[in-house]
């Protein structure tokens, strides 16, 4: 099995395990009266299953994202710091403007 697939499966399992612990704590501490709602309803098991799966998807995604971001590239051990790129310098361009000698420098909306 490729390393990336093994990494993904491992982190998804960890994420769903954390989600199971999270849902168990929600029910144990009776947050928002969830324990009463689950135990006194005929759809309580389905509600817990949906809560676990939805939280599992979130926690698995976060866990896998953290694992990918922590991967280390061993090829760049001798390079420290960024690339030394030169800063851009401004180079102004001159644009010739034709001036009408008859009118001078008067505003355009002025009438004579």
N, C-alpha and C. Protein backbone atom coordinates (compact mmCIF):
# COMPACT_ATOMS: atom_id res chain seq x y z
N UNK A 1 0.85 -1.18 0.00
CA UNK A 1 0.00 0.00 0.00
C UNK A 1 0.89 1.24 0.00
N UNK A 2 0.58 2.24 -0.84
CA UNK A 2 1.40 3.46 -0.86
C UNK A 2 1.34 4.20 0.48
N UNK A 3 2.40 4.94 0.73
CA UNK A 3 2.51 5.65 2.01
C UNK A 3 1.40 6.68 2.20
N UNK A 4 1.03 7.37 1.11
CA UNK A 4 0.01 8.40 1.23
C UNK A 4 -1.36 7.81 1.56
N UNK A 5 -1.68 6.65 0.98
CA UNK A 5 -2.95 6.00 1.27
C UNK A 5 -2.98 5.52 2.72
N UNK A 6 -1.87 4.96 3.17
CA UNK A 6 -1.77 4.51 4.57
C UNK A 6 -1.89 5.70 5.53
N UNK A 7 -1.26 6.81 5.16
CA UNK A 7 -1.36 8.03 5.98
C UNK A 7 -2.80 8.51 6.05
N UNK A 8 -3.50 8.49 4.91
CA UNK A 8 -4.89 8.93 4.88
C UNK A 8 -5.79 8.04 5.73
N UNK A 9 -5.68 6.74 5.56
CA UNK A 9 -6.53 5.81 6.31
C UNK A 9 -6.26 5.91 7.80
N UNK A 10 -5.01 6.03 8.18
CA UNK A 10 -4.66 6.16 9.60
C UNK A 10 -5.26 7.43 10.21
N UNK A 11 -5.14 8.53 9.51
CA UNK A 11 -5.63 9.79 10.05
C UNK A 11 -7.15 9.88 10.04
N UNK A 12 -7.79 9.23 9.07
CA UNK A 12 -9.25 9.18 9.08
C UNK A 12 -9.74 8.35 10.26
N UNK A 13 -9.06 7.25 10.54
CA UNK A 13 -9.43 6.42 11.70
C UNK A 13 -9.23 7.20 13.00
N UNK A 14 -8.14 7.95 13.09
CA UNK A 14 -7.91 8.78 14.28
C UNK A 14 -8.99 9.84 14.40
N UNK A 15 -9.35 10.47 13.29
CA UNK A 15 -10.39 11.51 13.30
C UNK A 15 -11.74 10.96 13.74
N UNK A 16 -12.12 9.77 13.24
CA UNK A 16 -13.39 9.19 13.65
C UNK A 16 -13.34 8.72 15.11
N UNK A 17 -12.17 8.31 15.59
CA UNK A 17 -12.03 7.96 17.00
C UNK A 17 -12.20 9.18 17.90
N UNK A 18 -11.61 10.29 17.49
CA UNK A 18 -11.77 11.53 18.25
C UNK A 18 -13.22 11.98 18.22
N UNK A 19 -13.88 11.80 17.07
CA UNK A 19 -15.29 12.16 16.96
C UNK A 19 -16.15 11.29 17.87
N UNK A 20 -15.82 10.01 17.98
CA UNK A 20 -16.57 9.12 18.88
C UNK A 20 -16.41 9.57 20.33
N UNK A 21 -15.19 9.95 20.70
CA UNK A 21 -14.97 10.45 22.06
C UNK A 21 -15.72 11.76 22.29
N UNK A 22 -15.75 12.60 21.27
CA UNK A 22 -16.45 13.88 21.37
C UNK A 22 -17.96 13.68 21.56
N UNK A 23 -18.54 12.79 20.75
CA UNK A 23 -19.97 12.52 20.87
C UNK A 23 -20.28 11.85 22.21
N UNK A 24 -19.40 10.97 22.67
CA UNK A 24 -19.59 10.33 23.97
C UNK A 24 -19.57 11.38 25.09
N UNK A 25 -18.66 12.34 25.00
CA UNK A 25 -18.62 13.40 26.01
C UNK A 25 -19.86 14.29 25.93
N UNK A 26 -20.34 14.56 24.71
CA UNK A 26 -21.58 15.34 24.58
C UNK A 26 -22.74 14.64 25.28
N UNK A 27 -22.82 13.32 25.09
CA UNK A 27 -23.90 12.58 25.72
C UNK A 27 -23.69 12.43 27.22
N UNK A 28 -22.45 12.20 27.65
CA UNK A 28 -22.17 11.99 29.08
C UNK A 28 -22.45 13.27 29.89
N UNK A 29 -22.00 14.40 29.36
CA UNK A 29 -22.20 15.66 30.08
C UNK A 29 -23.57 16.27 29.81
N UNK A 30 -24.37 15.61 29.01
CA UNK A 30 -25.76 15.99 28.73
C UNK A 30 -25.85 17.43 28.21
N UNK A 31 -25.02 17.72 27.23
CA UNK A 31 -25.01 19.05 26.62
C UNK A 31 -26.31 19.22 25.84
N UNK A 32 -27.00 20.31 26.10
CA UNK A 32 -28.27 20.65 25.44
C UNK A 32 -29.30 19.55 25.64
N UNK A 33 -29.20 18.82 26.74
CA UNK A 33 -30.14 17.76 27.08
C UNK A 33 -30.18 16.66 26.02
N UNK A 34 -29.02 16.40 25.41
CA UNK A 34 -28.95 15.39 24.34
C UNK A 34 -29.23 13.98 24.85
N UNK A 35 -28.76 13.65 26.05
CA UNK A 35 -28.96 12.29 26.57
C UNK A 35 -30.45 11.98 26.72
N UNK A 36 -31.17 12.93 27.22
CA UNK A 36 -32.62 12.73 27.38
C UNK A 36 -33.30 12.60 26.00
N UNK A 37 -32.89 13.44 25.05
CA UNK A 37 -33.50 13.38 23.72
C UNK A 37 -33.21 12.05 23.03
N UNK A 38 -31.99 11.54 23.20
CA UNK A 38 -31.60 10.30 22.53
C UNK A 38 -32.28 9.10 23.18
N UNK A 39 -32.33 9.07 24.49
CA UNK A 39 -32.88 7.90 25.17
C UNK A 39 -34.40 7.84 25.14
N UNK A 40 -35.07 8.95 24.97
CA UNK A 40 -36.54 8.97 24.99
C UNK A 40 -37.14 9.10 23.60
N UNK A 41 -36.37 8.79 22.57
CA UNK A 41 -36.88 8.86 21.21
C UNK A 41 -36.60 7.54 20.50
N UNK A 42 -37.47 7.15 19.60
CA UNK A 42 -37.24 5.91 18.86
C UNK A 42 -36.19 6.10 17.77
N UNK A 43 -35.87 7.33 17.41
CA UNK A 43 -34.84 7.63 16.41
C UNK A 43 -33.53 8.09 17.06
N UNK A 44 -33.35 7.81 18.33
CA UNK A 44 -32.17 8.27 19.06
C UNK A 44 -30.88 7.67 18.56
N UNK A 45 -30.90 6.37 18.22
CA UNK A 45 -29.69 5.71 17.73
C UNK A 45 -29.27 6.30 16.39
N UNK A 46 -30.25 6.59 15.53
CA UNK A 46 -29.96 7.21 14.24
C UNK A 46 -29.38 8.61 14.42
N UNK A 47 -29.91 9.35 15.39
CA UNK A 47 -29.41 10.70 15.66
C UNK A 47 -27.95 10.66 16.13
N UNK A 48 -27.63 9.70 17.00
CA UNK A 48 -26.25 9.57 17.48
C UNK A 48 -25.33 9.16 16.34
N UNK A 49 -25.80 8.26 15.48
CA UNK A 49 -25.01 7.83 14.34
C UNK A 49 -24.73 8.99 13.39
N UNK A 50 -25.74 9.79 13.10
CA UNK A 50 -25.55 10.95 12.21
C UNK A 50 -24.63 11.97 12.86
N UNK A 51 -24.78 12.18 14.15
CA UNK A 51 -23.89 13.12 14.87
C UNK A 51 -22.45 12.64 14.83
N UNK A 52 -22.24 11.33 15.02
CA UNK A 52 -20.89 10.78 15.00
C UNK A 52 -20.28 10.86 13.59
N UNK A 53 -21.04 10.51 12.56
CA UNK A 53 -20.51 10.54 11.19
C UNK A 53 -20.19 11.96 10.76
N UNK A 54 -21.08 12.90 11.04
CA UNK A 54 -20.82 14.28 10.62
C UNK A 54 -19.62 14.88 11.35
N UNK A 55 -19.51 14.62 12.65
CA UNK A 55 -18.33 15.08 13.37
C UNK A 55 -17.09 14.31 12.93
N UNK A 56 -17.25 13.03 12.58
CA UNK A 56 -16.11 12.24 12.11
C UNK A 56 -15.54 12.77 10.82
N UNK A 57 -16.39 13.21 9.92
CA UNK A 57 -15.90 13.78 8.66
C UNK A 57 -15.09 15.05 8.93
N UNK A 58 -15.59 15.87 9.82
CA UNK A 58 -14.88 17.12 10.15
C UNK A 58 -13.55 16.82 10.83
N UNK A 59 -13.57 15.99 11.86
CA UNK A 59 -12.34 15.70 12.60
C UNK A 59 -11.34 14.93 11.74
N UNK A 60 -11.80 14.06 10.85
CA UNK A 60 -10.89 13.33 9.98
C UNK A 60 -10.22 14.28 8.99
N UNK A 61 -10.99 15.22 8.46
CA UNK A 61 -10.41 16.20 7.54
C UNK A 61 -9.37 17.09 8.22
N UNK A 62 -9.67 17.50 9.42
CA UNK A 62 -8.72 18.33 10.16
C UNK A 62 -7.47 17.52 10.51
N UNK A 63 -7.66 16.29 10.94
CA UNK A 63 -6.53 15.44 11.31
C UNK A 63 -5.63 15.18 10.10
N UNK A 64 -6.24 14.89 8.95
CA UNK A 64 -5.44 14.64 7.76
C UNK A 64 -4.75 15.92 7.28
N UNK A 65 -5.42 17.05 7.40
CA UNK A 65 -4.79 18.32 7.03
C UNK A 65 -3.58 18.63 7.89
N UNK A 66 -3.69 18.39 9.18
CA UNK A 66 -2.56 18.60 10.08
C UNK A 66 -1.41 17.65 9.73
N UNK A 67 -1.75 16.39 9.44
CA UNK A 67 -0.71 15.41 9.10
C UNK A 67 0.00 15.78 7.81
N UNK A 68 -0.73 16.27 6.82
CA UNK A 68 -0.09 16.66 5.55
C UNK A 68 0.78 17.89 5.75
N UNK A 69 0.32 18.83 6.55
CA UNK A 69 1.12 20.03 6.77
C UNK A 69 2.37 19.74 7.59
N UNK A 70 2.35 18.68 8.36
CA UNK A 70 3.53 18.34 9.16
C UNK A 70 4.54 17.48 8.40
N UNK A 71 4.19 17.07 7.19
CA UNK A 71 5.14 16.28 6.40
C UNK A 71 6.39 17.11 6.14
N UNK A 72 7.51 16.46 6.18
CA UNK A 72 8.77 17.16 6.02
C UNK A 72 9.40 16.75 4.69
N UNK A 73 9.90 17.72 3.97
CA UNK A 73 10.60 17.45 2.72
C UNK A 73 12.09 17.38 3.03
N UNK A 74 12.67 16.18 2.91
CA UNK A 74 14.07 15.98 3.28
C UNK A 74 15.06 16.50 2.25
N UNK A 75 14.60 16.90 1.08
CA UNK A 75 15.52 17.38 0.04
C UNK A 75 16.06 18.76 0.32
N UNK A 76 15.38 19.55 1.09
CA UNK A 76 15.78 20.95 1.28
C UNK A 76 16.42 21.19 2.64
N UNK A 77 17.22 20.25 3.14
CA UNK A 77 17.83 20.44 4.45
C UNK A 77 18.95 21.47 4.43
N UNK A 78 19.63 21.63 3.29
CA UNK A 78 20.76 22.55 3.26
C UNK A 78 20.35 23.99 2.93
N UNK A 79 19.12 24.22 2.53
CA UNK A 79 18.67 25.56 2.20
C UNK A 79 17.96 26.16 3.41
N UNK A 80 18.40 27.32 3.80
CA UNK A 80 17.76 28.03 4.90
C UNK A 80 17.37 29.41 4.41
N UNK A 81 16.15 29.80 4.66
CA UNK A 81 15.69 31.11 4.24
C UNK A 81 15.09 31.07 2.85
N UNK A 82 14.69 32.22 2.40
CA UNK A 82 14.03 32.31 1.11
C UNK A 82 14.99 32.58 -0.02
N UNK A 83 14.44 32.72 -1.18
CA UNK A 83 15.25 33.06 -2.34
C UNK A 83 15.55 34.54 -2.31
N UNK A 84 16.76 34.88 -2.71
CA UNK A 84 17.14 36.28 -2.69
C UNK A 84 16.78 36.90 -4.03
N UNK A 85 15.58 37.35 -4.12
CA UNK A 85 15.12 37.98 -5.34
C UNK A 85 15.27 39.48 -5.20
N UNK A 86 15.58 40.11 -6.30
CA UNK A 86 15.77 41.55 -6.28
C UNK A 86 14.42 42.26 -6.24
N UNK A 87 14.39 43.33 -5.50
CA UNK A 87 13.16 44.11 -5.43
C UNK A 87 13.00 44.89 -6.73
N UNK A 88 11.78 45.07 -7.12
CA UNK A 88 11.52 45.81 -8.35
C UNK A 88 11.80 47.29 -8.13
N UNK A 89 12.41 47.90 -9.13
CA UNK A 89 12.66 49.34 -9.08
C UNK A 89 11.71 50.03 -10.02
N UNK A 90 11.25 51.19 -9.64
CA UNK A 90 10.33 51.93 -10.49
C UNK A 90 11.11 52.59 -11.61
N UNK A 91 10.59 52.47 -12.79
CA UNK A 91 11.19 53.11 -13.95
C UNK A 91 10.09 53.91 -14.62
N UNK A 92 10.14 55.24 -14.44
CA UNK A 92 9.08 56.09 -14.94
C UNK A 92 9.24 56.31 -16.44
N UNK A 93 8.15 56.25 -17.14
CA UNK A 93 8.15 56.51 -18.57
C UNK A 93 7.64 57.92 -18.81
N UNK A 94 8.30 58.63 -19.70
CA UNK A 94 7.84 59.98 -20.05
C UNK A 94 6.95 59.89 -21.27
N UNK A 95 5.83 60.58 -21.19
CA UNK A 95 4.87 60.57 -22.28
C UNK A 95 4.77 61.99 -22.82
N UNK A 96 5.08 62.18 -24.09
CA UNK A 96 4.99 63.54 -24.65
C UNK A 96 3.53 63.96 -24.80
N UNK A 97 3.25 65.22 -24.44
CA UNK A 97 1.91 65.77 -24.52
C UNK A 97 1.95 66.99 -25.42
N UNK A 98 1.08 67.03 -26.40
CA UNK A 98 1.02 68.15 -27.32
C UNK A 98 0.19 69.26 -26.69
N UNK A 99 0.68 70.49 -26.70
CA UNK A 99 0.00 71.62 -26.11
C UNK A 99 -0.48 72.52 -27.23
N UNK A 100 -1.74 72.94 -27.16
CA UNK A 100 -2.29 73.86 -28.13
C UNK A 100 -1.83 75.26 -27.76
N UNK A 101 -1.02 75.89 -28.61
CA UNK A 101 -0.42 77.18 -28.28
C UNK A 101 -1.46 78.30 -28.25
N UNK A 102 -2.54 78.19 -28.98
CA UNK A 102 -3.54 79.24 -29.03
C UNK A 102 -4.31 79.38 -27.74
N UNK A 103 -4.56 78.31 -27.11
CA UNK A 103 -5.38 78.36 -25.89
C UNK A 103 -4.53 78.52 -24.64
N UNK A 104 -3.31 78.14 -24.68
CA UNK A 104 -2.46 78.25 -23.51
C UNK A 104 -2.80 77.17 -22.51
N UNK A 105 -2.77 77.53 -21.23
CA UNK A 105 -3.03 76.55 -20.18
C UNK A 105 -4.36 76.83 -19.47
N UNK A 106 -5.36 77.15 -20.22
CA UNK A 106 -6.64 77.44 -19.62
C UNK A 106 -7.42 76.14 -19.45
N UNK A 107 -8.32 76.11 -18.47
CA UNK A 107 -9.17 74.93 -18.30
C UNK A 107 -10.07 74.71 -19.50
N UNK A 108 -10.47 73.52 -19.74
CA UNK A 108 -11.24 73.17 -20.92
C UNK A 108 -12.65 73.75 -20.89
N UNK A 109 -13.25 73.92 -19.74
CA UNK A 109 -14.63 74.36 -19.67
C UNK A 109 -14.76 75.89 -19.61
N UNK A 110 -13.73 76.60 -19.76
CA UNK A 110 -13.78 78.07 -19.68
C UNK A 110 -14.08 78.64 -21.06
N UNK A 111 -15.03 79.54 -21.11
CA UNK A 111 -15.39 80.17 -22.38
C UNK A 111 -14.84 81.58 -22.43
N UNK A 112 -14.58 82.04 -23.65
CA UNK A 112 -14.06 83.41 -23.80
C UNK A 112 -15.13 84.34 -24.24
